[in-house]
Amino acid sequence: MATELTKGELYVSDKCGSDQDGDGTDQKPFKTPLQALMFAGKEPFPSIYVESQKEGERWAVISKTQMKNAKKAFNREQTKCDSKEKKEAEDTERREKNLEEAKKINIENDPSLPEPDTVKIRLLETKRGQRVKVFGWVHRLRRQGKNLMFIVLRDGTGFLQCVLSDKLVRRLEDLVCDVVDRVLKSPAAQLLYDINPNFKPPKRPFKRMNYTDAIEWLREHDIKKDDGSYYEFGEVTTEHVRISNAHITLRMRLSL
């Protein structure tokens, strides 16, 4: 929205004006009457001058019809802006509420069980039947229903599929979305969009999709590999595709 108006008139020129670079003066007019009203911000609006149709006259007061149409467009923009702000406020409130609920869930080790050994994924086969602790990156993530989630972890030595249920699912999904939201509100957001201008933050609940449907989805949205060809069934998607489409989760069978 515009800053507080300090002048009693604004100028508009369809031929030499600019809605991006203009400031409403006769030297740098706006291109459209709508932009002049958006600059003013609210009624009562200042006098709007447009290019005169009379020979020898540079400016003339905007006609009543033009002004009426401009006000209608202004009101539509105001309504859209108000609706957008309302939706953003509701989304923010819902995220904060979900996050607060997620924070109430404490993930703790069961003291009645043996202390877990920290191991690499490639060594897990030797630890079968024992309690272990594994650190890694989320390579794949798939949500099934409200209380079940499959995660494939990777640590540089192998892959491990994990199953989360009930409280663990709610905690993880809210934390993932909250981290993304915080990044987008930080100075690092510009770097993210520089790398991927089409990035879209994930939304709850995470979309469920089998591998075949995911490949078809990539084709429908014209997402290709670095060499320009489409992804085929059986191929592993690259890192940038997973990041670009965080709301789409692909699951494939991985053996350790």
Protein backbone atom coordinates (compact mmCIF):
# COMPACT_ATOMS: atom_id res chain seq x y z
CA MET A 1 0.00 0.00 0.00
CA ALA A 2 1.00 3.58 -0.56
CA THR A 3 2.59 5.91 1.90
CA GLU A 4 0.68 8.91 3.21
CA LEU A 5 -0.09 11.21 0.30
CA THR A 6 1.71 14.57 0.42
CA LYS A 7 0.37 16.13 -2.79
CA GLY A 8 -3.08 17.05 -4.00
CA GLU A 9 -2.71 15.72 -7.54
CA LEU A 10 -1.31 12.74 -9.40
CA TYR A 11 -0.47 12.31 -13.07
CA VAL A 12 -1.12 9.36 -15.36
CA SER A 13 0.22 8.81 -18.87
CA ASP A 14 -0.51 5.70 -20.91
CA LYS A 15 2.24 6.64 -23.39
CA CYS A 16 5.19 7.57 -21.19
CA GLY A 17 4.12 6.59 -17.70
CA SER A 18 5.33 3.65 -15.60
CA ASP A 19 3.59 1.86 -12.74
CA GLN A 20 6.94 0.46 -11.62
CA ASP A 21 9.19 3.53 -11.80
CA GLY A 22 6.71 6.42 -11.77
CA ASP A 23 6.05 8.56 -8.71
CA GLY A 24 2.88 10.34 -9.85
CA THR A 25 4.47 13.66 -10.75
CA ASP A 26 4.08 15.25 -14.16
CA GLN A 27 7.73 14.37 -14.82
CA LYS A 28 7.36 10.71 -13.82
CA PRO A 29 3.67 9.86 -14.18
CA PHE A 30 2.06 6.51 -13.52
CA LYS A 31 0.87 4.44 -16.46
CA THR A 32 -2.60 3.58 -15.13
CA PRO A 33 -5.18 5.37 -12.98
CA LEU A 34 -5.37 2.25 -10.81
CA GLN A 35 -1.75 2.64 -9.78
CA ALA A 36 -2.38 6.27 -8.89
CA LEU A 37 -5.23 5.20 -6.59
CA MET A 38 -3.11 2.40 -5.12
CA PHE A 39 -0.42 4.98 -4.43
CA ALA A 40 -2.93 7.24 -2.71
CA GLY A 41 -4.10 4.27 -0.66
CA LYS A 42 -7.52 5.47 0.45
CA GLU A 43 -10.25 8.02 -0.11
CA PRO A 44 -10.57 10.92 -0.49
CA PHE A 45 -8.37 10.52 -3.56
CA PRO A 46 -6.34 13.42 -4.95
CA SER A 47 -7.09 14.91 -8.34
CA ILE A 48 -5.97 12.57 -11.13
CA TYR A 49 -4.66 14.11 -14.34
CA VAL A 50 -4.36 12.20 -17.61
CA GLU A 51 -3.07 13.15 -21.02
CA SER A 52 -5.34 15.70 -22.63
CA GLN A 53 -6.98 15.03 -25.99
CA LYS A 54 -6.98 18.76 -26.80
CA GLU A 55 -4.21 20.15 -28.95
CA GLY A 56 -1.79 22.35 -27.04
CA GLU A 57 -2.95 21.04 -23.66
CA ARG A 58 -0.70 18.56 -21.80
CA TRP A 59 -2.94 17.41 -18.94
CA ALA A 60 -6.64 17.20 -18.18
CA VAL A 61 -8.62 15.99 -15.17
CA ILE A 62 -9.60 12.35 -15.55
CA SER A 63 -13.13 11.79 -16.79
CA LYS A 64 -15.85 10.62 -14.41
CA THR A 65 -16.18 7.33 -16.32
CA GLN A 66 -12.43 6.63 -16.12
CA MET A 67 -12.40 7.50 -12.45
CA LYS A 68 -15.41 5.28 -11.77
CA ASN A 69 -13.75 2.32 -13.50
CA ALA A 70 -10.48 2.99 -11.68
CA LYS A 71 -12.29 3.01 -8.31
CA LYS A 72 -13.98 -0.30 -9.13
CA ALA A 73 -10.61 -1.84 -9.95
CA PHE A 74 -9.16 -0.33 -6.77
CA ASN A 75 -11.94 -1.83 -4.65
CA ARG A 76 -11.37 -5.27 -6.24
CA GLU A 77 -7.67 -5.05 -5.46
CA GLN A 78 -8.45 -4.01 -1.90
CA THR A 79 -10.80 -6.96 -1.48
CA LYS A 80 -8.20 -9.39 -2.84
CA CYS A 81 -5.53 -7.89 -0.62
CA ASP A 82 -7.76 -8.09 2.46
CA SER A 83 -8.67 -11.70 1.64
CA LYS A 84 -5.02 -12.60 1.15
CA GLU A 85 -4.01 -10.97 4.43
CA LYS A 86 -6.86 -12.72 6.23
CA LYS A 87 -5.85 -16.09 4.80
CA GLU A 88 -2.20 -15.52 5.69
CA ALA A 89 -3.20 -14.57 9.24
CA GLU A 90 -5.38 -17.70 9.54
CA ASP A 91 -2.59 -19.89 8.14
CA THR A 92 -0.09 -18.38 10.56
CA GLU A 93 -2.45 -18.90 13.49
CA ARG A 94 -3.08 -22.50 12.46
CA ARG A 95 0.66 -23.21 12.06
CA GLU A 96 1.42 -21.71 15.45
CA LYS A 97 -1.38 -23.71 17.05
CA ASN A 98 -0.17 -26.95 15.44
CA LEU A 99 3.39 -26.20 16.45
CA GLU A 100 2.40 -25.52 20.04
CA GLU A 101 0.50 -28.81 20.10
CA ALA A 102 3.51 -30.57 18.62
CA LYS A 103 5.80 -29.05 21.27
CA LYS A 104 3.69 -30.67 23.97
CA ILE A 105 4.69 -34.07 22.63
CA ASN A 106 7.88 -35.24 24.33
CA ILE A 107 9.97 -37.84 22.53
CA GLU A 108 11.93 -39.72 25.18
CA ASN A 109 13.92 -42.90 25.42
CA ASP A 110 12.25 -45.74 27.29
CA PRO A 111 14.44 -46.18 30.41
CA SER A 112 13.28 -49.76 30.77
CA LEU A 113 15.05 -50.71 27.52
CA PRO A 114 18.82 -51.16 27.05
CA GLU A 115 20.86 -48.08 26.14
CA PRO A 116 21.05 -47.94 22.30
CA ASP A 117 24.33 -48.20 20.40
CA THR A 118 25.03 -45.46 17.82
CA VAL A 119 25.91 -47.16 14.52
CA LYS A 120 26.18 -46.49 10.81
CA ILE A 121 23.44 -47.85 8.56
CA ARG A 122 25.80 -50.25 6.77
CA LEU A 123 26.42 -52.02 10.10
CA LEU A 124 22.78 -52.46 11.07
CA GLU A 125 22.57 -56.04 9.81
CA THR A 126 25.01 -57.08 12.52
CA LYS A 127 22.78 -55.39 15.10
CA ARG A 128 19.57 -57.16 14.13
CA GLY A 129 17.33 -57.60 17.18
CA GLN A 130 19.26 -55.03 19.19
CA ARG A 131 18.40 -51.44 20.14
CA VAL A 132 20.34 -48.88 18.08
CA LYS A 133 20.53 -45.14 17.39
CA VAL A 134 21.00 -43.90 13.80
CA PHE A 135 21.71 -40.39 12.51
CA GLY A 136 21.08 -39.38 8.90
CA TRP A 137 19.36 -37.18 6.33
CA VAL A 138 15.75 -37.67 5.27
CA HIS A 139 16.06 -39.19 1.80
CA ARG A 140 12.38 -40.09 1.29
CA LEU A 141 9.27 -39.23 3.26
CA ARG A 142 5.75 -40.58 2.77
CA ARG A 143 2.66 -39.98 4.88
CA GLN A 144 -0.07 -42.62 5.08
CA GLY A 145 -3.20 -41.50 6.86
CA LYS A 146 -3.01 -39.32 9.97
CA ASN A 147 -0.93 -41.56 12.19
CA LEU A 148 1.60 -43.33 9.98
CA MET A 149 4.70 -42.07 8.19
CA PHE A 150 7.53 -43.79 6.35
CA ILE A 151 10.98 -42.19 6.30
CA VAL A 152 14.06 -43.35 4.41
CA LEU A 153 17.25 -42.15 6.10
CA ARG A 154 20.68 -41.99 4.47
CA ASP A 155 24.00 -41.42 6.21
CA GLY A 156 26.52 -41.93 3.41
CA THR A 157 26.89 -45.64 4.11
CA GLY A 158 23.41 -46.85 3.21
CA PHE A 159 19.67 -46.33 3.43
CA LEU A 160 17.25 -47.23 6.22
CA GLN A 161 13.46 -47.18 6.11
CA CYS A 162 11.84 -46.12 9.38
CA VAL A 163 8.20 -46.18 10.42
CA LEU A 164 6.76 -43.43 12.64
CA SER A 165 3.31 -43.57 14.18
CA ASP A 166 0.91 -41.56 16.31
CA LYS A 167 2.63 -38.75 18.26
CA LEU A 168 5.90 -39.05 16.35
CA VAL A 169 4.09 -38.32 13.08
CA ARG A 170 2.40 -35.14 14.34
CA ARG A 171 5.61 -33.91 15.89
CA LEU A 172 7.71 -34.42 12.75
CA GLU A 173 5.27 -32.96 10.21
CA ASP A 174 4.69 -29.79 12.22
CA LEU A 175 8.40 -29.30 12.84
CA VAL A 176 9.23 -29.75 9.12
CA CYS A 177 6.65 -27.15 8.10
CA ASP A 178 7.73 -24.78 10.88
CA VAL A 179 11.39 -24.95 9.83
CA VAL A 180 10.47 -24.16 6.22
CA ASP A 181 8.27 -21.27 7.37
CA ARG A 182 11.08 -19.82 9.49
CA VAL A 183 13.56 -20.09 6.60
CA LEU A 184 11.17 -18.29 4.24
CA LYS A 185 10.82 -15.44 6.75
CA SER A 186 14.59 -15.13 7.22
CA PRO A 187 17.25 -13.42 5.02
CA ALA A 188 18.12 -16.89 3.69
CA ALA A 189 14.80 -17.00 1.81
CA GLN A 190 16.22 -15.03 -1.11
CA LEU A 191 19.05 -17.53 -1.49
CA LEU A 192 16.50 -20.35 -1.56
CA TYR A 193 14.51 -18.67 -4.33
CA ASP A 194 17.70 -17.82 -6.22
CA ILE A 195 18.47 -21.53 -6.33
CA ASN A 196 14.90 -22.53 -7.11
CA PRO A 197 12.53 -19.70 -8.14
CA ASN A 198 9.62 -22.16 -8.26
CA PHE A 199 10.04 -23.45 -4.71
CA LYS A 200 6.76 -24.10 -2.89
CA PRO A 201 6.68 -24.79 0.85
CA PRO A 202 5.21 -28.14 1.93
CA LYS A 203 1.66 -28.18 3.22
CA ARG A 204 0.00 -30.45 5.73
CA PRO A 205 -1.01 -33.15 5.31
CA PHE A 206 1.86 -34.29 3.08
CA LYS A 207 0.60 -35.67 -0.18
CA ARG A 208 0.50 -39.41 -0.56
CA MET A 209 1.54 -40.78 -3.94
CA ASN A 210 2.92 -44.07 -5.20
CA TYR A 211 6.02 -44.23 -7.39
CA THR A 212 4.21 -44.67 -10.71
CA ASP A 213 1.88 -41.74 -10.04
CA ALA A 214 4.86 -39.61 -8.99
CA ILE A 215 6.64 -40.24 -12.31
CA GLU A 216 3.45 -39.27 -14.14
CA TRP A 217 3.14 -36.15 -11.97
CA LEU A 218 6.66 -35.06 -12.94
CA ARG A 219 5.77 -35.46 -16.63
CA GLU A 220 2.49 -33.52 -16.28
CA HIS A 221 4.35 -30.65 -14.61
CA ASP A 222 7.17 -30.76 -17.20
CA ILE A 223 9.90 -31.50 -14.64
CA LYS A 224 12.91 -33.00 -16.39
CA LYS A 225 16.38 -34.29 -15.62
CA ASP A 226 19.50 -32.17 -16.16
CA ASP A 227 19.90 -33.64 -19.66
CA GLY A 228 16.40 -32.50 -20.63
CA SER A 229 14.79 -35.95 -20.68
CA TYR A 230 11.86 -37.05 -18.53
CA TYR A 231 12.17 -39.32 -15.52
CA GLU A 232 11.36 -42.95 -16.18
CA PHE A 233 10.06 -45.71 -13.96
CA GLY A 234 12.89 -47.24 -11.93
CA GLU A 235 15.09 -44.16 -11.86
CA VAL A 236 16.04 -42.33 -8.67
CA THR A 237 15.10 -38.66 -8.67
CA THR A 238 17.88 -36.12 -8.19
CA GLU A 239 18.27 -33.99 -5.09
CA HIS A 240 17.07 -30.76 -6.71
CA VAL A 241 13.82 -32.41 -7.83
CA ARG A 242 13.09 -33.59 -4.31
CA ILE A 243 13.83 -30.13 -2.94
CA SER A 244 11.81 -28.41 -5.68
CA ASN A 245 8.81 -30.59 -4.98
CA ALA A 246 8.96 -31.12 -1.26
CA HIS A 247 5.20 -31.59 -1.13
CA ILE A 248 5.51 -34.66 -3.36
CA THR A 249 7.03 -37.71 -1.70
CA LEU A 250 8.41 -40.58 -3.69
CA ARG A 251 8.85 -44.01 -2.21
CA MET A 252 10.74 -46.88 -3.82
CA ARG A 253 11.95 -50.21 -2.55
CA LEU A 254 15.45 -49.98 -1.17
CA SER A 255 17.33 -52.98 0.17
CA LEU A 256 20.13 -52.70 2.71
